[in-house]
C-alpha atoms as a PDB file:
ATOM      1  CA  MET A   1     -18.887   3.840   8.062  1.00  0.00           C
ATOM      2  CA  GLN A   2     -16.617   6.832   7.241  1.00  0.00           C
ATOM      3  CA  LYS A   3     -16.960   8.138  10.766  1.00  0.00           C
ATOM      4  CA  ARG A   4     -16.051   4.721  12.128  1.00  0.00           C
ATOM      5  CA  PHE A   5     -12.986   4.553   9.862  1.00  0.00           C
ATOM      6  CA  ARG A   6     -11.921   8.074  10.815  1.00  0.00           C
ATOM      7  CA  ALA A   7     -12.279   7.193  14.477  1.00  0.00           C
ATOM      8  CA  PHE A   8     -10.290   4.001  13.943  1.00  0.00           C
ATOM      9  CA  ILE A   9      -7.446   5.861  12.225  1.00  0.00           C
ATOM     10  CA  CYS A  10      -7.399   9.069  14.284  1.00  0.00           C
ATOM     11  CA  GLN A  11      -8.488   8.123  17.811  1.00  0.00           C
ATOM     12  CA  ASP A  12      -6.771   5.890  20.282  1.00  0.00           C
ATOM     13  CA  GLY A  13      -9.692   3.525  20.988  1.00  0.00           C
ATOM     14  CA  LEU A  14      -9.666  -0.133  22.038  1.00  0.00           C
ATOM     15  CA  GLU A  15     -10.342  -1.464  18.492  1.00  0.00           C
ATOM     16  CA  ARG A  16      -7.391   0.533  17.148  1.00  0.00           C
ATOM     17  CA  GLN A  17      -5.120  -0.542  20.019  1.00  0.00           C
ATOM     18  CA  THR A  18      -5.999  -4.177  19.368  1.00  0.00           C
ATOM     19  CA  TYR A  19      -5.282  -3.828  15.660  1.00  0.00           C
ATOM     20  CA  VAL A  20      -1.995  -1.985  16.324  1.00  0.00           C
ATOM     21  CA  SER A  21      -0.936  -4.726  18.719  1.00  0.00           C
ATOM     22  CA  HIS A  22      -1.094  -7.114  15.726  1.00  0.00           C
ATOM     23  CA  GLY A  23       0.117  -4.545  13.210  1.00  0.00           C
ATOM     24  CA  GLN A  24       3.728  -5.609  12.988  1.00  0.00           C
ATOM     25  CA  CYS A  25       2.795  -9.271  12.513  1.00  0.00           C
ATOM     26  CA  ILE A  26       0.232  -8.306   9.839  1.00  0.00           C
ATOM     27  CA  TYR A  27       2.777  -6.147   8.041  1.00  0.00           C
ATOM     28  CA  GLU A  28       5.563  -8.733   8.242  1.00  0.00           C
ATOM     29  CA  ASN A  29       3.372 -11.719   7.286  1.00  0.00           C
ATOM     30  CA  VAL A  30       0.426 -10.416   5.280  1.00  0.00           C
ATOM     31  CA  ILE A  31       0.801  -7.094   3.445  1.00  0.00           C
ATOM     32  CA  GLY A  32       4.550  -6.581   3.563  1.00  0.00           C
ATOM     33  CA  VAL A  33       5.723  -9.949   2.227  1.00  0.00           C
ATOM     34  CA  ASP A  34       6.269 -11.457  -1.173  1.00  0.00           C
ATOM     35  CA  ALA A  35       3.765 -14.223  -0.403  1.00  0.00           C
ATOM     36  CA  ALA A  36       0.966 -11.612  -0.464  1.00  0.00           C
ATOM     37  CA  ILE A  37       1.851 -10.364  -3.939  1.00  0.00           C
ATOM     38  CA  PRO A  38      -0.610 -12.621  -5.824  1.00  0.00           C
ATOM     39  CA  CYS A  39      -3.368 -11.846  -3.308  1.00  0.00           C
ATOM     40  CA  LEU A  40      -3.056  -8.127  -3.615  1.00  0.00           C
ATOM     41  CA  ASN A  41      -1.952  -7.663  -7.239  1.00  0.00           C
ATOM     42  CA  ASN A  42      -4.922  -9.708  -8.483  1.00  0.00           C
ATOM     43  CA  TYR A  43      -7.148  -7.560  -6.309  1.00  0.00           C
ATOM     44  CA  LEU A  44      -5.763  -4.365  -7.855  1.00  0.00           C
ATOM     45  CA  LEU A  45      -6.248  -5.819 -11.338  1.00  0.00           C
ATOM     46  CA  ALA A  46      -9.966  -6.256 -10.700  1.00  0.00           C
ATOM     47  CA  PHE A  47     -10.433  -2.524 -10.009  1.00  0.00           C
ATOM     48  CA  GLU A  48      -8.336  -1.609 -13.049  1.00  0.00           C
ATOM     49  CA  HIS A  49     -10.295  -4.016 -15.176  1.00  0.00           C
ATOM     50  CA  LEU A  50     -13.539  -2.282 -14.248  1.00  0.00           C
ATOM     51  CA  ALA A  51     -12.136   1.182 -14.852  1.00  0.00           C
ATOM     52  CA  THR A  52     -10.659   0.426 -18.286  1.00  0.00           C
ATOM     53  CA  ASP A  53     -12.946  -2.216 -19.773  1.00  0.00           C
ATOM     54  CA  GLY A  54     -16.372  -1.036 -18.643  1.00  0.00           C
ATOM     55  CA  VAL A  55     -17.328  -4.478 -17.386  1.00  0.00           C
ATOM     56  CA  HIS A  56     -21.058  -5.195 -17.445  1.00  0.00           C
ATOM     57  CA  ASP A  57     -21.019  -7.661 -14.553  1.00  0.00           C
ATOM     58  CA  TRP A  58     -19.195  -5.393 -12.101  1.00  0.00           C
ATOM     59  CA  ARG A  59     -20.640  -7.124  -9.042  1.00  0.00           C
ATOM     60  CA  SER A  60     -19.169 -10.520  -9.923  1.00  0.00           C
ATOM     61  CA  THR A  61     -15.802  -9.001 -10.809  1.00  0.00           C
ATOM     62  CA  LEU A  62     -15.478  -7.075  -7.547  1.00  0.00           C
ATOM     63  CA  CYS A  63     -17.027  -9.654  -5.242  1.00  0.00           C
ATOM     64  CA  CYS A  64     -15.040 -12.550  -6.738  1.00  0.00           C
ATOM     65  CA  ALA A  65     -11.825 -10.512  -6.501  1.00  0.00           C
ATOM     66  CA  HIS A  66     -12.593  -9.529  -2.923  1.00  0.00           C
ATOM     67  CA  ARG A  67     -13.364 -13.117  -1.905  1.00  0.00           C
ATOM     68  CA  ARG A  68     -10.211 -14.358  -3.596  1.00  0.00           C
ATOM     69  CA  LYS A  69      -8.129 -11.730  -1.751  1.00  0.00           C
ATOM     70  CA  GLU A  70      -9.891 -12.531   1.483  1.00  0.00           C
ATOM     71  CA  LEU A  71      -9.170 -16.257   1.278  1.00  0.00           C
ATOM     72  CA  CYS A  72      -5.541 -15.587   0.439  1.00  0.00           C
ATOM     73  CA  THR A  73      -4.783 -12.963   3.082  1.00  0.00           C
ATOM     74  CA  ASP A  74      -6.901 -14.761   5.696  1.00  0.00           C
ATOM     75  CA  ALA A  75      -4.706 -17.818   5.328  1.00  0.00           C
ATOM     76  CA  LEU A  76      -1.516 -15.748   5.675  1.00  0.00           C
ATOM     77  CA  ALA A  77      -2.852 -13.849   8.726  1.00  0.00           C
ATOM     78  CA  LEU A  78      -4.281 -16.921  10.452  1.00  0.00           C
ATOM     79  CA  ASP A  79      -1.198 -19.103   9.872  1.00  0.00           C
ATOM     80  CA  ASN A  80       1.288 -16.440  10.942  1.00  0.00           C
ATOM     81  CA  CYS A  81      -0.493 -14.119  13.366  1.00  0.00           C
ATOM     82  CA  GLY A  82      -3.482 -15.981  14.825  1.00  0.00           C
ATOM     83  CA  PRO A  83      -7.275 -15.676  14.679  1.00  0.00           C
ATOM     84  CA  GLU A  84      -7.628 -12.295  16.413  1.00  0.00           C
ATOM     85  CA  ALA A  85      -5.103 -10.650  14.077  1.00  0.00           C
ATOM     86  CA  ARG A  86      -6.863 -12.190  11.069  1.00  0.00           C
ATOM     87  CA  GLN A  87     -10.191 -10.813  12.195  1.00  0.00           C
ATOM     88  CA  LYS A  88      -8.798  -7.316  12.933  1.00  0.00           C
ATOM     89  CA  PHE A  89      -7.100  -7.228   9.531  1.00  0.00           C
ATOM     90  CA  GLU A  90     -10.385  -7.988   7.762  1.00  0.00           C
ATOM     91  CA  VAL A  91     -12.217  -5.341   9.814  1.00  0.00           C
ATOM     92  CA  PHE A  92      -9.532  -2.803   8.895  1.00  0.00           C
ATOM     93  CA  PHE A  93      -9.614  -3.805   5.229  1.00  0.00           C
ATOM     94  CA  ASP A  94     -13.394  -3.512   5.183  1.00  0.00           C
ATOM     95  CA  GLN A  95     -13.184  -0.041   6.759  1.00  0.00           C
ATOM     96  CA  ILE A  96     -10.790   1.092   4.054  1.00  0.00           C
ATOM     97  CA  HIS A  97     -13.582   0.348   1.585  1.00  0.00           C
ATOM     98  CA  PHE A  98     -16.229   1.962   3.865  1.00  0.00           C
ATOM     99  CA  GLY A  99     -18.143  -1.328   4.156  1.00  0.00           C
ATOM    100  CA  PHE A 100     -18.774  -1.597   0.416  1.00  0.00           C
ATOM    101  CA  PHE A 101     -18.087  -5.316   0.136  1.00  0.00           C
ATOM    102  CA  GLU A 102     -20.069  -6.074   3.255  1.00  0.00           C
ATOM    103  CA  MET A 103     -23.103  -4.373   1.658  1.00  0.00           C
ATOM    104  CA  VAL A 104     -22.761  -5.585  -1.932  1.00  0.00           C
ATOM    105  CA  CYS A 105     -21.307  -9.079  -1.800  1.00  0.00           C
ATOM    106  CA  SER A 106     -22.897 -12.228  -0.476  1.00  0.00           C
ATOM    107  CA  PHE A 107     -20.250 -14.889  -0.247  1.00  0.00           C
ATOM    108  CA  GLY A 108     -22.361 -17.839  -1.268  1.00  0.00           C
ATOM    109  CA  GLU A 109     -21.268 -20.692  -3.410  1.00  0.00           C
ATOM    110  CA  GLU A 110     -21.766 -18.682  -6.638  1.00  0.00           C
ATOM    111  CA  LEU A 111     -18.891 -16.442  -5.557  1.00  0.00           C
ATOM    112  CA  ASP A 112     -16.375 -19.202  -4.954  1.00  0.00           C
ATOM    113  CA  PRO A 113     -13.195 -17.937  -6.733  1.00  0.00           C
ATOM    114  CA  LYS A 114     -12.960 -21.269  -8.601  1.00  0.00           C
ATOM    115  CA  SER A 115     -16.554 -21.100  -9.883  1.00  0.00           C
ATOM    116  CA  ASP A 116     -17.255 -20.527 -13.586  1.00  0.00           C
ATOM    117  CA  GLN A 117     -18.859 -17.192 -12.728  1.00  0.00           C
ATOM    118  CA  CYS A 118     -15.705 -15.943 -11.023  1.00  0.00           C
ATOM    119  CA  VAL A 119     -13.327 -17.361 -13.608  1.00  0.00           C
ATOM    120  CA  LYS A 120     -15.268 -15.532 -16.338  1.00  0.00           C
ATOM    121  CA  ALA A 121     -15.568 -12.308 -14.328  1.00  0.00           C
ATOM    122  CA  PHE A 122     -11.964 -12.061 -13.187  1.00  0.00           C
ATOM    123  CA  PRO A 123      -9.414 -10.234 -15.343  1.00  0.00           C
ATOM    124  CA  ASN A 124      -6.401 -11.916 -16.865  1.00  0.00           C
ATOM    125  CA  ALA A 125      -4.098 -12.655 -13.920  1.00  0.00           C
ATOM    126  CA  ASP A 126      -1.058 -12.466 -16.220  1.00  0.00           C
ATOM    127  CA  GLN A 127      -1.450  -8.713 -16.469  1.00  0.00           C
ATOM    128  CA  GLU A 128       0.469  -6.396 -14.222  1.00  0.00           C
ATOM    129  CA  PRO A 129      -1.274  -3.671 -12.210  1.00  0.00           C
ATOM    130  CA  ARG A 130      -0.717  -0.201 -13.612  1.00  0.00           C
ATOM    131  CA  GLY A 131      -0.220   1.325 -10.154  1.00  0.00           C
ATOM    132  CA  LEU A 132      -0.397   5.109 -10.192  1.00  0.00           C
ATOM    133  CA  LYS A 133      -1.047   5.056 -13.955  1.00  0.00           C
ATOM    134  CA  SER A 134      -4.301   3.198 -13.372  1.00  0.00           C
ATOM    135  CA  LYS A 135      -7.594   4.768 -14.361  1.00  0.00           C
ATOM    136  CA  SER A 136      -9.107   3.376 -11.161  1.00  0.00           C
ATOM    137  CA  TYR A 137      -8.987   5.745  -8.220  1.00  0.00           C
ATOM    138  CA  ILE A 138      -9.550   2.857  -5.821  1.00  0.00           C
ATOM    139  CA  SER A 139      -6.623   0.970  -7.321  1.00  0.00           C
ATOM    140  CA  LYS A 140      -4.413   4.059  -6.968  1.00  0.00           C
ATOM    141  CA  MET A 141      -5.420   4.429  -3.310  1.00  0.00           C
ATOM    142  CA  LEU A 142      -4.723   0.762  -2.568  1.00  0.00           C
ATOM    143  CA  TYR A 143      -1.458   0.920  -4.515  1.00  0.00           C
ATOM    144  CA  ARG A 144      -0.252   3.678  -2.197  1.00  0.00           C
ATOM    145  CA  PHE A 145      -1.492   1.810   0.868  1.00  0.00           C
ATOM    146  CA  PHE A 146       0.247  -1.489   0.221  1.00  0.00           C
ATOM    147  CA  PRO A 147       4.010  -1.372   0.838  1.00  0.00           C
ATOM    148  CA  PHE A 148       4.999  -3.579  -2.083  1.00  0.00           C
ATOM    149  CA  ASN A 149       3.521  -1.156  -4.614  1.00  0.00           C
ATOM    150  CA  TYR A 150       4.199  -2.431  -8.095  1.00  0.00           C
ATOM    151  CA  VAL A 151       5.679  -5.922  -8.260  1.00  0.00           C
ATOM    152  CA  PRO A 152       7.265  -7.308 -11.439  1.00  0.00           C
ATOM    153  CA  MET A 153       5.735 -10.334 -13.119  1.00  0.00           C
ATOM    154  CA  ASP A 154       8.659 -12.677 -12.434  1.00  0.00           C
ATOM    155  CA  LYS A 155       8.299 -12.174  -8.679  1.00  0.00           C
ATOM    156  CA  ARG A 156       4.514 -12.635  -8.815  1.00  0.00           C
ATOM    157  CA  HIS A 157       4.734 -16.052 -10.481  1.00  0.00           C
ATOM    158  CA  LYS A 158       7.097 -17.252  -7.762  1.00  0.00           C
ATOM    159  CA  TYR A 159       4.145 -17.203  -5.346  1.00  0.00           C
ATOM    160  CA  GLN A 160       1.278 -18.027  -7.710  1.00  0.00           C
ATOM    161  CA  SER A 161       1.435 -21.754  -6.896  1.00  0.00           C
ATOM    162  CA  LYS A 162       1.089 -20.925  -3.178  1.00  0.00           C
ATOM    163  CA  LEU A 163      -1.992 -18.824  -3.958  1.00  0.00           C
ATOM    164  CA  ASN A 164      -3.468 -21.671  -5.994  1.00  0.00           C
ATOM    165  CA  GLN A 165      -2.893 -24.081  -3.122  1.00  0.00           C
ATOM    166  CA  THR A 166      -4.642 -21.670  -0.738  1.00  0.00           C
ATOM    167  CA  LEU A 167      -7.670 -21.450  -3.027  1.00  0.00           C
ATOM    168  CA  ASN A 168      -7.921 -25.219  -3.552  1.00  0.00           C
END
């Protein structure tokens, strides 16, 4: 998976060209917009939660957070950029994690973000990500990757209802 990711980033292959052709739309409508703040901040919080609280049920925490992020960003990508862009964004996101979620998480009904299992496993969404002060190396890496970086609480709540509508 690391070789595939390196090839994707460093070589000018067809998969990369296809992703890049959708890159501006993805940036403008998925990762570079305020509407994505709840999707991505909640995702960062899950990694921080694991690093600081020593969560016993790490699989549920990560897989529920990943599924929640996926539903949220998928909707933004599909609505604004189309099905091919949505698919390429998910492939890219999976490659950033070296296929971890593909290997560990099965997205059955038990991992529905609204399920009791996920509600219990997910950290308090009212917290703010610690960004570069996080104890989670993954959270720090993602924090640097996403252009919004740290987003204040008042701006996050502005889009929380849209996230809730997406998940319902």
